[in-house]
Each structure stands twice: as structure tokens, then as C-alpha cells.
Amino acid sequence: MPKEKYDPPDPRRIYTIMSAEEVANGKKSHWAELEISGRVRSLSTSLWSLTHLTALHLNDNNLARIPPDIAKLHNLVYLDLSSNKLRSLPAELGNMVSL
């Protein structure tokens, strides 16, 4: 059923890792693991700047593709892409020898 009016995003599903001010001031996140789930269809390009991540859980979403930028996560040792709608994987995953 099409929506007849714009409904703003559910505020319970809006999360900010860091404020724009913190990013502008050069603050870095130090999370080792990140889980993103809930029928997500696309990923923010800012995810690929979290190079300190060692584990990334992207399971149980509606992702159709993973961009080649995933190779920027050079510290990644665990990646869960199960239960998505992936049609192919980027060749760059083959260069991530720590996975």
C-alpha cells in the first residue's frame, strides 16, 4: 500500500556514531565490533572509514551488494553477511587475508 504522506523516519531507528562536530574535530571511534541489522537495504559510506573494526555483523538484512570499499576495513577478522539478498561479492574480499 503506497504512503499518502511523508512519514519521518522512526526516531528509535536513527543512531549516530559520532556527532558532526566530533568528526569535524578529528575524533575517532574505537569500537572493535559493529552490528547492523533490521532489514537494512544500503550501508552508509561512512562505515568504510571505521578502519579499526575487527568484527562486522551485517546479517539479517536486505543487502543486495557489498561495495568494494569494504577492503578499507583492513583490520577486519570477522564478517557475517548471512541472511541477505547478495547476488555477488566484491573481488576485493579476496585480498582481505585476515578474514
C-alpha atoms as a PDB file:
ATOM      1  CA  MET A   1       0.000   0.000   0.000  1.00  0.00           C
ATOM      2  CA  PRO A   2       1.635   3.313  -1.046  1.00  0.00           C
ATOM      3  CA  LYS A   3       2.059   6.024   1.516  1.00  0.00           C
ATOM      4  CA  GLU A   4      -0.113   9.068   1.023  1.00  0.00           C
ATOM      5  CA  LYS A   5       2.104  11.394   3.012  1.00  0.00           C
ATOM      6  CA  TYR A   6       5.692  11.594   4.153  1.00  0.00           C
ATOM      7  CA  ASP A   7       6.381   9.844   7.415  1.00  0.00           C
ATOM      8  CA  PRO A   8       9.678  10.866   9.017  1.00  0.00           C
ATOM      9  CA  PRO A   9      11.997   8.009   9.990  1.00  0.00           C
ATOM     10  CA  ASP A  10      11.265   6.257  13.244  1.00  0.00           C
ATOM     11  CA  PRO A  11      13.461   8.091  15.808  1.00  0.00           C
ATOM     12  CA  ARG A  12      14.093   4.783  17.567  1.00  0.00           C
ATOM     13  CA  ARG A  13      15.990   3.598  14.474  1.00  0.00           C
ATOM     14  CA  ILE A  14      18.171   6.662  13.989  1.00  0.00           C
ATOM     15  CA  TYR A  15      21.594   6.247  15.519  1.00  0.00           C
ATOM     16  CA  THR A  16      24.616   8.472  15.286  1.00  0.00           C
ATOM     17  CA  ILE A  17      28.027   7.004  15.933  1.00  0.00           C
ATOM     18  CA  MET A  18      29.506  10.459  16.447  1.00  0.00           C
ATOM     19  CA  SER A  19      28.173  13.951  16.039  1.00  0.00           C
ATOM     20  CA  ALA A  20      29.206  16.030  13.042  1.00  0.00           C
ATOM     21  CA  GLU A  21      31.121  18.284  15.437  1.00  0.00           C
ATOM     22  CA  GLU A  22      33.132  15.356  16.833  1.00  0.00           C
ATOM     23  CA  VAL A  23      34.012  14.191  13.331  1.00  0.00           C
ATOM     24  CA  ALA A  24      34.991  17.740  12.314  1.00  0.00           C
ATOM     25  CA  ASN A  25      37.267  17.918  15.359  1.00  0.00           C
ATOM     26  CA  GLY A  26      39.003  14.705  14.285  1.00  0.00           C
ATOM     27  CA  LYS A  27      37.581  12.397  16.950  1.00  0.00           C
ATOM     28  CA  LYS A  28      37.937   8.716  16.083  1.00  0.00           C
ATOM     29  CA  SER A  29      35.657   5.875  17.112  1.00  0.00           C
ATOM     30  CA  HIS A  30      37.328   2.948  18.842  1.00  0.00           C
ATOM     31  CA  TRP A  31      34.664   0.281  18.540  1.00  0.00           C
ATOM     32  CA  ALA A  32      36.084  -3.131  17.722  1.00  0.00           C
ATOM     33  CA  GLU A  33      32.741  -4.653  16.692  1.00  0.00           C
ATOM     34  CA  LEU A  34      29.680  -3.277  14.966  1.00  0.00           C
ATOM     35  CA  GLU A  35      26.322  -4.941  14.331  1.00  0.00           C
ATOM     36  CA  ILE A  36      23.889  -3.537  11.785  1.00  0.00           C
ATOM     37  CA  SER A  37      20.644  -5.435  11.351  1.00  0.00           C
ATOM     38  CA  GLY A  38      16.958  -4.881  10.775  1.00  0.00           C
ATOM     39  CA  ARG A  39      16.228  -5.239   7.063  1.00  0.00           C
ATOM     40  CA  VAL A  40      18.791  -2.614   6.061  1.00  0.00           C
ATOM     41  CA  ARG A  41      18.979  -2.178   2.267  1.00  0.00           C
ATOM     42  CA  SER A  42      22.052   0.009   1.948  1.00  0.00           C
ATOM     43  CA  LEU A  43      25.069   0.975   4.004  1.00  0.00           C
ATOM     44  CA  SER A  44      26.412   4.439   4.702  1.00  0.00           C
ATOM     45  CA  THR A  45      29.710   5.228   3.006  1.00  0.00           C
ATOM     46  CA  SER A  46      30.995   6.427   6.387  1.00  0.00           C
ATOM     47  CA  LEU A  47      31.050   2.783   7.507  1.00  0.00           C
ATOM     48  CA  TRP A  48      34.172   2.198   5.412  1.00  0.00           C
ATOM     49  CA  SER A  49      36.099   4.809   7.405  1.00  0.00           C
ATOM     50  CA  LEU A  50      35.847   2.704  10.590  1.00  0.00           C
ATOM     51  CA  THR A  51      39.175   1.035   9.823  1.00  0.00           C
ATOM     52  CA  HIS A  52      39.707  -0.090  13.429  1.00  0.00           C
ATOM     53  CA  LEU A  53      36.797  -2.571  13.251  1.00  0.00           C
ATOM     54  CA  THR A  54      37.758  -6.204  13.764  1.00  0.00           C
ATOM     55  CA  ALA A  55      34.234  -7.657  13.509  1.00  0.00           C
ATOM     56  CA  LEU A  56      31.319  -6.547  11.362  1.00  0.00           C
ATOM     57  CA  HIS A  57      27.922  -8.220  11.673  1.00  0.00           C
ATOM     58  CA  LEU A  58      25.679  -7.365   8.709  1.00  0.00           C
ATOM     59  CA  ASN A  59      23.459 -10.431   8.947  1.00  0.00           C
ATOM     60  CA  ASP A  60      19.664 -10.499   8.629  1.00  0.00           C
ATOM     61  CA  ASN A  61      19.302  -7.528   6.290  1.00  0.00           C
ATOM     62  CA  ASN A  62      18.163  -6.912   2.722  1.00  0.00           C
ATOM     63  CA  LEU A  63      21.567  -6.033   1.298  1.00  0.00           C
ATOM     64  CA  ALA A  64      21.850  -6.811  -2.424  1.00  0.00           C
ATOM     65  CA  ARG A  65      25.502  -5.802  -2.733  1.00  0.00           C
ATOM     66  CA  ILE A  66      28.585  -5.008  -0.710  1.00  0.00           C
ATOM     67  CA  PRO A  67      30.738  -2.243  -2.205  1.00  0.00           C
ATOM     68  CA  PRO A  68      34.444  -2.778  -2.949  1.00  0.00           C
ATOM     69  CA  ASP A  69      35.157  -0.166  -0.257  1.00  0.00           C
ATOM     70  CA  ILE A  70      34.811  -2.943   2.310  1.00  0.00           C
ATOM     71  CA  ALA A  71      38.508  -3.603   1.631  1.00  0.00           C
ATOM     72  CA  LYS A  72      39.269  -0.375   3.528  1.00  0.00           C
ATOM     73  CA  LEU A  73      38.446  -2.280   6.732  1.00  0.00           C
ATOM     74  CA  HIS A  74      41.947  -3.772   6.837  1.00  0.00           C
ATOM     75  CA  ASN A  75      41.695  -4.884  10.498  1.00  0.00           C
ATOM     76  CA  LEU A  76      38.571  -6.970   9.911  1.00  0.00           C
ATOM     77  CA  VAL A  77      38.900 -10.599  11.008  1.00  0.00           C
ATOM     78  CA  TYR A  78      35.185 -11.495  11.200  1.00  0.00           C
ATOM     79  CA  LEU A  79      32.454 -10.644   8.700  1.00  0.00           C
ATOM     80  CA  ASP A  80      28.904 -12.023   8.837  1.00  0.00           C
ATOM     81  CA  LEU A  81      26.852 -11.430   5.692  1.00  0.00           C
ATOM     82  CA  SER A  82      24.386 -14.272   6.230  1.00  0.00           C
ATOM     83  CA  SER A  83      20.667 -13.910   5.516  1.00  0.00           C
ATOM     84  CA  ASN A  84      20.925 -11.088   2.984  1.00  0.00           C
ATOM     85  CA  LYS A  85      19.972 -10.837  -0.692  1.00  0.00           C
ATOM     86  CA  LEU A  86      23.519 -10.701  -2.031  1.00  0.00           C
ATOM     87  CA  ARG A  87      23.939 -11.586  -5.688  1.00  0.00           C
ATOM     88  CA  SER A  88      27.714 -11.296  -5.747  1.00  0.00           C
ATOM     89  CA  LEU A  89      30.640 -10.278  -3.586  1.00  0.00           C
ATOM     90  CA  PRO A  90      33.340  -7.762  -4.486  1.00  0.00           C
ATOM     91  CA  ALA A  91      36.642  -9.249  -5.669  1.00  0.00           C
ATOM     92  CA  GLU A  92      38.383  -7.083  -3.055  1.00  0.00           C
ATOM     93  CA  LEU A  93      37.188  -9.501  -0.362  1.00  0.00           C
ATOM     94  CA  GLY A  94      39.765 -11.947  -1.710  1.00  0.00           C
ATOM     95  CA  ASN A  95      42.532  -9.536  -0.697  1.00  0.00           C
ATOM     96  CA  MET A  96      41.350  -9.415   2.909  1.00  0.00           C
ATOM     97  CA  VAL A  97      43.572 -12.253   4.102  1.00  0.00           C
ATOM     98  CA  SER A  98      42.787 -11.705   7.805  1.00  0.00           C
ATOM     99  CA  LEU A  99      39.128 -12.649   7.346  1.00  0.00           C
END
